[in-house]
Amino acid sequence: MLTVGDHLPEFALQATVGIDSPNTAFKDLTDKSYPGKWLVVFAWPKDFTFICPTEIAAFGRMNGEFSDRDAQVLGLSTDSEFVHFAWRRDHADLRDLPFPMLADVKREFSAALGILDKNEGVCLRATFIVDPEGVIRHVSVNDLSVGRNPEETLRILDGLQTDELCPCNWTKGEETITIP
């Protein structure tokens, strides 16, 4: 699995960006699609499951806060763009998602990240925070049975963006650690 200090692998994937029309619902995205931005890439195992929509909807509700920090959220699974489209259309909490859902049907990006579950062959619940230079600055991975906390992802992004030492449970606006 890639870790802190590694570079985000190159990718070119089809993404579902809406449900208004099949003509505008899909977009080609690459690792270069958001120059100068932080990326928050979070992966889930499968569409049409139980824990995944709770996480995806939570990231969606917080998307404005990530945007305010010059970060682009990108969802990722090995499902196709058409499955993403159907899920967004059919699940009330996902209809108005403000971020793209990447379709890694060949599993190349997921494999390059090192996040494919060895038994199931689907993405683990992995989250990567990537700086504007493409360097991975944070990685977390949960078991398939436990959802993650987007508020914690935002807190970590805030800490990384200070370029200072942030103590345990630090939140934006609090003092950082200074070394005498």
C-alpha atoms as a PDB file:
ATOM      1  CA  MET A   1       0.000   0.000   0.000  1.00  0.00           C
ATOM      2  CA  LEU A   2       1.233   3.493  -0.787  1.00  0.00           C
ATOM      3  CA  THR A   3       1.998   5.620   2.209  1.00  0.00           C
ATOM      4  CA  VAL A   4       2.917   9.103   3.338  1.00  0.00           C
ATOM      5  CA  GLY A   5       5.598  10.597   1.108  1.00  0.00           C
ATOM      6  CA  ASP A   6       4.706   8.513  -1.948  1.00  0.00           C
ATOM      7  CA  HIS A   7       3.301  10.177  -5.038  1.00  0.00           C
ATOM      8  CA  LEU A   8      -0.284   9.620  -6.089  1.00  0.00           C
ATOM      9  CA  PRO A   9      -0.200   7.258  -9.086  1.00  0.00           C
ATOM     10  CA  GLU A  10      -1.281   8.526 -12.477  1.00  0.00           C
ATOM     11  CA  PHE A  11      -4.847   7.662 -13.388  1.00  0.00           C
ATOM     12  CA  ALA A  12      -7.316   8.289 -16.185  1.00  0.00           C
ATOM     13  CA  LEU A  13     -10.798   7.174 -15.204  1.00  0.00           C
ATOM     14  CA  GLN A  14     -14.399   7.741 -16.132  1.00  0.00           C
ATOM     15  CA  ALA A  15     -16.327   9.475 -13.347  1.00  0.00           C
ATOM     16  CA  THR A  16     -19.999   9.910 -12.602  1.00  0.00           C
ATOM     17  CA  VAL A  17     -20.621  13.589 -11.873  1.00  0.00           C
ATOM     18  CA  GLY A  18     -24.412  13.813 -11.925  1.00  0.00           C
ATOM     19  CA  ILE A  19     -27.714  12.182 -12.834  1.00  0.00           C
ATOM     20  CA  ASP A  20     -29.475  14.860 -14.877  1.00  0.00           C
ATOM     21  CA  SER A  21     -28.807  13.252 -18.235  1.00  0.00           C
ATOM     22  CA  PRO A  22     -26.700  10.359 -19.514  1.00  0.00           C
ATOM     23  CA  ASN A  23     -25.111  12.956 -21.842  1.00  0.00           C
ATOM     24  CA  THR A  24     -23.756  15.049 -18.942  1.00  0.00           C
ATOM     25  CA  ALA A  25     -23.496  12.471 -16.165  1.00  0.00           C
ATOM     26  CA  PHE A  26     -19.997  11.258 -17.017  1.00  0.00           C
ATOM     27  CA  LYS A  27     -16.616  12.925 -17.248  1.00  0.00           C
ATOM     28  CA  ASP A  28     -13.077  11.749 -17.947  1.00  0.00           C
ATOM     29  CA  LEU A  29     -10.796  12.640 -15.040  1.00  0.00           C
ATOM     30  CA  THR A  30      -7.082  12.211 -14.468  1.00  0.00           C
ATOM     31  CA  ASP A  31      -4.612  12.835 -11.685  1.00  0.00           C
ATOM     32  CA  LYS A  32      -3.988  16.200 -13.402  1.00  0.00           C
ATOM     33  CA  SER A  33      -7.645  17.337 -13.492  1.00  0.00           C
ATOM     34  CA  TYR A  34      -7.375  19.561 -10.405  1.00  0.00           C
ATOM     35  CA  PRO A  35      -4.044  21.421 -10.625  1.00  0.00           C
ATOM     36  CA  GLY A  36      -2.988  23.300  -7.522  1.00  0.00           C
ATOM     37  CA  LYS A  37      -5.602  21.619  -5.335  1.00  0.00           C
ATOM     38  CA  TRP A  38      -5.365  19.232  -2.444  1.00  0.00           C
ATOM     39  CA  LEU A  39      -7.096  15.919  -3.187  1.00  0.00           C
ATOM     40  CA  VAL A  40      -9.091  13.814  -0.762  1.00  0.00           C
ATOM     41  CA  VAL A  41      -9.466  10.420  -2.409  1.00  0.00           C
ATOM     42  CA  PHE A  42     -11.662   7.999  -0.521  1.00  0.00           C
ATOM     43  CA  ALA A  43     -12.472   4.476  -1.643  1.00  0.00           C
ATOM     44  CA  TRP A  44     -15.307   2.140  -0.722  1.00  0.00           C
ATOM     45  CA  PRO A  45     -15.859  -1.564  -1.432  1.00  0.00           C
ATOM     46  CA  LYS A  46     -19.070  -1.724  -3.478  1.00  0.00           C
ATOM     47  CA  ASP A  47     -22.006   0.360  -4.608  1.00  0.00           C
ATOM     48  CA  PHE A  48     -25.494  -0.671  -3.468  1.00  0.00           C
ATOM     49  CA  THR A  49     -24.250  -1.741  -0.043  1.00  0.00           C
ATOM     50  CA  PHE A  50     -24.998  -0.599   3.487  1.00  0.00           C
ATOM     51  CA  ILE A  51     -22.078   1.256   5.099  1.00  0.00           C
ATOM     52  CA  CYS A  52     -20.795   2.892   1.906  1.00  0.00           C
ATOM     53  CA  PRO A  53     -23.687   5.313   1.328  1.00  0.00           C
ATOM     54  CA  THR A  54     -23.428   6.590   4.897  1.00  0.00           C
ATOM     55  CA  GLU A  55     -19.799   7.573   4.278  1.00  0.00           C
ATOM     56  CA  ILE A  56     -20.381   8.939   0.776  1.00  0.00           C
ATOM     57  CA  ALA A  57     -23.326  11.069   1.909  1.00  0.00           C
ATOM     58  CA  ALA A  58     -21.300  12.385   4.867  1.00  0.00           C
ATOM     59  CA  PHE A  59     -18.460  13.444   2.552  1.00  0.00           C
ATOM     60  CA  GLY A  60     -21.088  15.039   0.314  1.00  0.00           C
ATOM     61  CA  ARG A  61     -22.561  17.073   3.175  1.00  0.00           C
ATOM     62  CA  MET A  62     -19.071  18.296   4.082  1.00  0.00           C
ATOM     63  CA  ASN A  63     -17.946  18.990   0.502  1.00  0.00           C
ATOM     64  CA  GLY A  64     -18.248  22.756   0.954  1.00  0.00           C
ATOM     65  CA  GLU A  65     -15.848  22.640   3.880  1.00  0.00           C
ATOM     66  CA  PHE A  66     -13.312  20.696   1.817  1.00  0.00           C
ATOM     67  CA  SER A  67     -13.782  23.165  -1.071  1.00  0.00           C
ATOM     68  CA  ASP A  68     -13.225  26.077   1.322  1.00  0.00           C
ATOM     69  CA  ARG A  69      -9.807  24.534   2.012  1.00  0.00           C
ATOM     70  CA  ASP A  70      -8.969  24.278  -1.702  1.00  0.00           C
ATOM     71  CA  ALA A  71      -9.441  20.501  -1.658  1.00  0.00           C
ATOM     72  CA  GLN A  72     -11.235  18.357  -4.222  1.00  0.00           C
ATOM     73  CA  VAL A  73     -13.006  15.256  -2.918  1.00  0.00           C
ATOM     74  CA  LEU A  74     -12.927  12.208  -5.206  1.00  0.00           C
ATOM     75  CA  GLY A  75     -14.854   9.044  -4.431  1.00  0.00           C
ATOM     76  CA  LEU A  76     -13.551   5.732  -5.790  1.00  0.00           C
ATOM     77  CA  SER A  77     -14.691   2.165  -6.217  1.00  0.00           C
ATOM     78  CA  THR A  78     -14.238  -0.629  -8.721  1.00  0.00           C
ATOM     79  CA  ASP A  79     -17.844  -0.328  -9.861  1.00  0.00           C
ATOM     80  CA  SER A  80     -18.535   1.100 -13.328  1.00  0.00           C
ATOM     81  CA  GLU A  81     -19.680   4.642 -14.019  1.00  0.00           C
ATOM     82  CA  PHE A  82     -23.087   3.199 -14.960  1.00  0.00           C
ATOM     83  CA  VAL A  83     -23.441   1.459 -11.613  1.00  0.00           C
ATOM     84  CA  HIS A  84     -22.464   4.741  -9.901  1.00  0.00           C
ATOM     85  CA  PHE A  85     -25.103   6.510 -12.006  1.00  0.00           C
ATOM     86  CA  ALA A  86     -27.833   4.015 -11.079  1.00  0.00           C
ATOM     87  CA  TRP A  87     -26.907   4.137  -7.389  1.00  0.00           C
ATOM     88  CA  ARG A  88     -26.916   7.929  -7.303  1.00  0.00           C
ATOM     89  CA  ARG A  89     -30.239   8.005  -9.148  1.00  0.00           C
ATOM     90  CA  ASP A  90     -31.843   5.418  -6.845  1.00  0.00           C
ATOM     91  CA  HIS A  91     -30.450   6.427  -3.431  1.00  0.00           C
ATOM     92  CA  ALA A  92     -31.936   9.638  -2.005  1.00  0.00           C
ATOM     93  CA  ASP A  93     -28.772  10.487  -0.021  1.00  0.00           C
ATOM     94  CA  LEU A  94     -26.570  10.255  -3.132  1.00  0.00           C
ATOM     95  CA  ARG A  95     -28.624  12.073  -5.784  1.00  0.00           C
ATOM     96  CA  ASP A  96     -27.053  15.492  -5.313  1.00  0.00           C
ATOM     97  CA  LEU A  97     -23.462  14.507  -4.566  1.00  0.00           C
ATOM     98  CA  PRO A  98     -21.166  17.435  -5.297  1.00  0.00           C
ATOM     99  CA  PHE A  99     -18.054  15.376  -6.085  1.00  0.00           C
ATOM    100  CA  PRO A 100     -17.126  12.832  -8.774  1.00  0.00           C
ATOM    101  CA  MET A 101     -17.363   9.079  -8.248  1.00  0.00           C
ATOM    102  CA  LEU A 102     -14.395   7.468 -10.014  1.00  0.00           C
ATOM    103  CA  ALA A 103     -14.997   4.142 -11.767  1.00  0.00           C
ATOM    104  CA  ASP A 104     -11.915   1.934 -11.533  1.00  0.00           C
ATOM    105  CA  VAL A 105     -13.375  -1.072 -13.365  1.00  0.00           C
ATOM    106  CA  LYS A 106      -9.948  -2.385 -14.434  1.00  0.00           C
ATOM    107  CA  ARG A 107      -8.750  -2.020 -10.823  1.00  0.00           C
ATOM    108  CA  GLU A 108      -5.507  -0.416 -12.051  1.00  0.00           C
ATOM    109  CA  PHE A 109      -5.662   2.704  -9.869  1.00  0.00           C
ATOM    110  CA  SER A 110      -6.816   0.739  -6.813  1.00  0.00           C
ATOM    111  CA  ALA A 111      -4.010  -1.775  -7.358  1.00  0.00           C
ATOM    112  CA  ALA A 112      -1.443   1.016  -7.768  1.00  0.00           C
ATOM    113  CA  LEU A 113      -2.653   2.500  -4.468  1.00  0.00           C
ATOM    114  CA  GLY A 114      -2.413  -0.964  -2.901  1.00  0.00           C
ATOM    115  CA  ILE A 115      -5.948  -0.904  -1.510  1.00  0.00           C
ATOM    116  CA  LEU A 116      -7.566  -3.991  -3.031  1.00  0.00           C
ATOM    117  CA  ASP A 117      -8.825  -6.431  -0.421  1.00  0.00           C
ATOM    118  CA  LYS A 118      -6.896  -9.687  -0.828  1.00  0.00           C
ATOM    119  CA  ASN A 119      -9.989 -11.869  -0.411  1.00  0.00           C
ATOM    120  CA  GLU A 120     -12.771  -9.830  -1.996  1.00  0.00           C
ATOM    121  CA  GLY A 121     -10.845  -7.987  -4.742  1.00  0.00           C
ATOM    122  CA  VAL A 122     -12.675  -4.733  -3.944  1.00  0.00           C
ATOM    123  CA  CYS A 123     -11.352  -1.499  -2.485  1.00  0.00           C
ATOM    124  CA  LEU A 124     -10.730  -1.281   1.206  1.00  0.00           C
ATOM    125  CA  ARG A 125     -12.187   1.749   2.999  1.00  0.00           C
ATOM    126  CA  ALA A 126      -9.076   3.806   2.298  1.00  0.00           C
ATOM    127  CA  THR A 127      -8.635   7.578   2.475  1.00  0.00           C
ATOM    128  CA  PHE A 128      -5.720   9.515   0.999  1.00  0.00           C
ATOM    129  CA  ILE A 129      -4.984  13.212   1.443  1.00  0.00           C
ATOM    130  CA  VAL A 130      -2.712  14.399  -1.349  1.00  0.00           C
ATOM    131  CA  ASP A 131      -1.031  17.797  -1.463  1.00  0.00           C
ATOM    132  CA  PRO A 132      -1.030  20.038  -4.568  1.00  0.00           C
ATOM    133  CA  GLU A 133       2.332  18.572  -5.651  1.00  0.00           C
ATOM    134  CA  GLY A 134       0.837  15.066  -5.756  1.00  0.00           C
ATOM    135  CA  VAL A 135       2.515  13.849  -2.557  1.00  0.00           C
ATOM    136  CA  ILE A 136       0.452  11.643  -0.259  1.00  0.00           C
ATOM    137  CA  ARG A 137       0.375  13.325   3.158  1.00  0.00           C
ATOM    138  CA  HIS A 138      -2.118  11.085   4.968  1.00  0.00           C
ATOM    139  CA  VAL A 139      -3.434   7.532   4.579  1.00  0.00           C
ATOM    140  CA  SER A 140      -6.027   5.694   6.627  1.00  0.00           C
ATOM    141  CA  VAL A 141      -7.661   2.335   5.993  1.00  0.00           C
ATOM    142  CA  ASN A 142     -10.591   0.729   7.754  1.00  0.00           C
ATOM    143  CA  ASP A 143     -11.809  -2.841   7.754  1.00  0.00           C
ATOM    144  CA  LEU A 144     -14.640  -3.442   5.305  1.00  0.00           C
ATOM    145  CA  SER A 145     -17.106  -3.540   8.215  1.00  0.00           C
ATOM    146  CA  VAL A 146     -16.331  -0.130   9.759  1.00  0.00           C
ATOM    147  CA  GLY A 147     -17.118   3.276   8.273  1.00  0.00           C
ATOM    148  CA  ARG A 148     -14.761   6.230   8.502  1.00  0.00           C
ATOM    149  CA  ASN A 149     -15.239   9.741   9.878  1.00  0.00           C
ATOM    150  CA  PRO A 150     -15.096  12.564   7.267  1.00  0.00           C
ATOM    151  CA  GLU A 151     -14.853  15.123  10.078  1.00  0.00           C
ATOM    152  CA  GLU A 152     -11.553  13.542  11.106  1.00  0.00           C
ATOM    153  CA  THR A 153     -10.375  13.677   7.493  1.00  0.00           C
ATOM    154  CA  LEU A 154     -11.169  17.399   7.438  1.00  0.00           C
ATOM    155  CA  ARG A 155      -9.349  17.907  10.765  1.00  0.00           C
ATOM    156  CA  ILE A 156      -6.264  16.175   9.387  1.00  0.00           C
ATOM    157  CA  LEU A 157      -6.410  18.264   6.207  1.00  0.00           C
ATOM    158  CA  ASP A 158      -6.578  21.398   8.362  1.00  0.00           C
ATOM    159  CA  GLY A 159      -3.535  20.258  10.309  1.00  0.00           C
ATOM    160  CA  LEU A 160      -1.550  19.430   7.190  1.00  0.00           C
ATOM    161  CA  GLN A 161      -2.334  22.815   5.708  1.00  0.00           C
ATOM    162  CA  THR A 162      -0.863  24.647   8.718  1.00  0.00           C
ATOM    163  CA  ASP A 163       2.640  23.291   7.984  1.00  0.00           C
ATOM    164  CA  GLU A 164       3.074  23.375  11.764  1.00  0.00           C
ATOM    165  CA  LEU A 165       3.107  20.865  14.607  1.00  0.00           C
ATOM    166  CA  CYS A 166      -0.452  19.996  15.628  1.00  0.00           C
ATOM    167  CA  PRO A 167      -1.059  18.217  18.937  1.00  0.00           C
ATOM    168  CA  CYS A 168      -3.493  15.387  19.593  1.00  0.00           C
ATOM    169  CA  ASN A 169      -7.125  16.395  19.019  1.00  0.00           C
ATOM    170  CA  TRP A 170      -6.042  19.757  17.569  1.00  0.00           C
ATOM    171  CA  THR A 171      -8.723  21.554  15.590  1.00  0.00           C
ATOM    172  CA  LYS A 172      -8.549  24.502  13.229  1.00  0.00           C
ATOM    173  CA  GLY A 173      -8.117  27.781  15.083  1.00  0.00           C
ATOM    174  CA  GLU A 174      -6.350  26.262  18.080  1.00  0.00           C
ATOM    175  CA  GLU A 175      -2.713  26.913  18.840  1.00  0.00           C
ATOM    176  CA  THR A 176      -0.089  24.702  17.291  1.00  0.00           C
ATOM    177  CA  ILE A 177       3.065  23.562  19.046  1.00  0.00           C
ATOM    178  CA  THR A 178       6.080  25.828  18.913  1.00  0.00           C
ATOM    179  CA  ILE A 179       9.502  24.532  19.771  1.00  0.00           C
ATOM    180  CA  PRO A 180      11.444  26.924  22.019  1.00  0.00           C
END
